């Protein structure tokens, strides 16, 4: 699903103008991004939590030439932890249900 697909689906469900729904969806994504960029986590009950995690520095290797190592520096990444409702719905899926 793309952002556009999401907007169309929501607009059809609530019978609202797609342009207005697009503005709301984009503002939502912008707000989430800005909060994370400010170092704050975001929690949506029953959906999940976006939090910042510090990854330690490590040594990486090129699979084509494993003798060459590369230092990968410490960095901050976003981690998503699904909420109870999402976990329950996803856990009911069969591996055959997932398209590749």
Protein backbone atom coordinates (compact mmCIF):
# COMPACT_ATOMS: atom_id res chain seq x y z
CA UNK A 1 0.00 0.00 0.00
CA UNK A 2 1.25 3.46 -0.87
CA UNK A 3 0.42 6.78 0.75
CA UNK A 4 -1.87 7.49 -2.20
CA UNK A 5 -3.69 4.17 -1.69
CA UNK A 6 -4.16 5.03 1.98
CA UNK A 7 -5.57 8.46 1.15
CA UNK A 8 -8.00 7.06 -1.42
CA UNK A 9 -9.21 4.36 0.98
CA UNK A 10 -9.74 6.80 3.87
CA UNK A 11 -11.42 9.40 1.62
CA UNK A 12 -13.86 6.77 0.35
CA UNK A 13 -14.60 5.44 3.84
CA UNK A 14 -15.40 8.84 5.35
CA UNK A 15 -16.68 10.47 2.15
CA UNK A 16 -14.19 13.30 2.30
CA UNK A 17 -12.22 15.14 -0.38
CA UNK A 18 -8.98 13.27 -1.26
CA UNK A 19 -6.96 16.50 -1.22
CA UNK A 20 -8.02 17.24 2.36
CA UNK A 21 -7.30 13.68 3.46
CA UNK A 22 -3.86 13.91 1.79
CA UNK A 23 -3.10 17.05 3.81
CA UNK A 24 -4.04 15.32 7.07
CA UNK A 25 -2.05 12.18 6.26
CA UNK A 26 1.00 14.21 5.21
CA UNK A 27 0.80 16.37 8.34
CA UNK A 28 0.58 13.20 10.44
CA UNK A 29 3.71 11.76 8.83
CA UNK A 30 5.53 15.11 9.13
CA UNK A 31 4.66 15.36 12.82
CA UNK A 32 5.86 11.81 13.50
CA UNK A 33 9.12 12.52 11.66
CA UNK A 34 9.67 15.83 13.47
CA UNK A 35 9.05 14.28 16.90
CA UNK A 36 11.53 11.49 16.19
CA UNK A 37 14.06 14.00 14.84
CA UNK A 38 13.69 15.90 18.13
CA UNK A 39 14.63 12.75 20.04
CA UNK A 40 11.16 11.87 21.30
CA UNK A 41 9.35 8.54 20.93
CA UNK A 42 5.76 8.25 19.74
CA UNK A 43 3.16 5.88 21.13
CA UNK A 44 -0.14 5.03 19.48
CA UNK A 45 -2.11 2.79 21.85
CA UNK A 46 -3.01 -0.58 20.34
CA UNK A 47 -1.05 0.29 17.19
CA UNK A 48 2.56 0.55 18.30
CA UNK A 49 5.51 2.62 19.44
CA UNK A 50 8.16 4.38 17.36
CA UNK A 51 11.30 4.82 19.42
CA UNK A 52 14.90 5.80 18.86
CA UNK A 53 17.59 3.21 19.48
CA UNK A 54 21.35 3.74 19.50
CA UNK A 55 23.23 1.14 17.45
CA UNK A 56 26.75 0.41 18.68
CA UNK A 57 29.68 0.72 16.28
CA UNK A 58 30.61 -2.54 14.60
CA UNK A 59 32.82 -4.11 11.98
CA UNK A 60 31.24 -4.93 8.63
CA UNK A 61 32.51 -7.11 5.81
CA UNK A 62 32.00 -7.02 2.07
CA UNK A 63 30.52 -10.41 1.09
CA UNK A 64 32.45 -10.31 -2.20
CA UNK A 65 35.79 -9.79 -0.44
CA UNK A 66 35.43 -10.83 3.24
CA UNK A 67 39.06 -10.01 4.00
CA UNK A 68 38.20 -6.30 3.68
CA UNK A 69 36.57 -4.94 6.83
CA UNK A 70 34.77 -1.64 7.21
CA UNK A 71 34.11 0.24 10.44
CA UNK A 72 30.40 1.02 10.77
CA UNK A 73 30.01 3.97 13.17
CA UNK A 74 27.53 4.30 16.01
CA UNK A 75 24.19 5.63 14.82
CA UNK A 76 20.63 6.27 15.88
CA UNK A 77 17.82 4.34 14.18
CA UNK A 78 14.04 4.22 14.49
CA UNK A 79 12.58 1.05 15.94
CA UNK A 80 8.92 0.14 15.67
CA UNK A 81 7.34 -2.11 18.26
CA UNK A 82 3.83 -3.22 17.29
CA UNK A 83 1.00 -2.86 19.78
CA UNK A 84 -1.22 -5.62 21.11
CA UNK A 85 -3.99 -5.29 18.50
CA UNK A 86 -1.57 -5.25 15.57
CA UNK A 87 0.40 -8.21 16.96
CA UNK A 88 -2.79 -10.22 17.34
CA UNK A 89 -4.03 -9.50 13.81
CA UNK A 90 -0.64 -10.16 12.19
CA UNK A 91 -0.10 -13.36 14.17
CA UNK A 92 -3.25 -14.81 12.62
CA UNK A 93 -1.63 -14.67 9.16
CA UNK A 94 -0.23 -17.77 7.56
CA UNK A 95 3.16 -17.55 5.78
CA UNK A 96 1.22 -18.36 2.59
CA UNK A 97 -0.76 -15.11 3.06
CA UNK A 98 2.32 -12.97 2.49
CA UNK A 99 3.14 -12.21 -1.12
CA UNK A 100 6.76 -11.90 -2.12
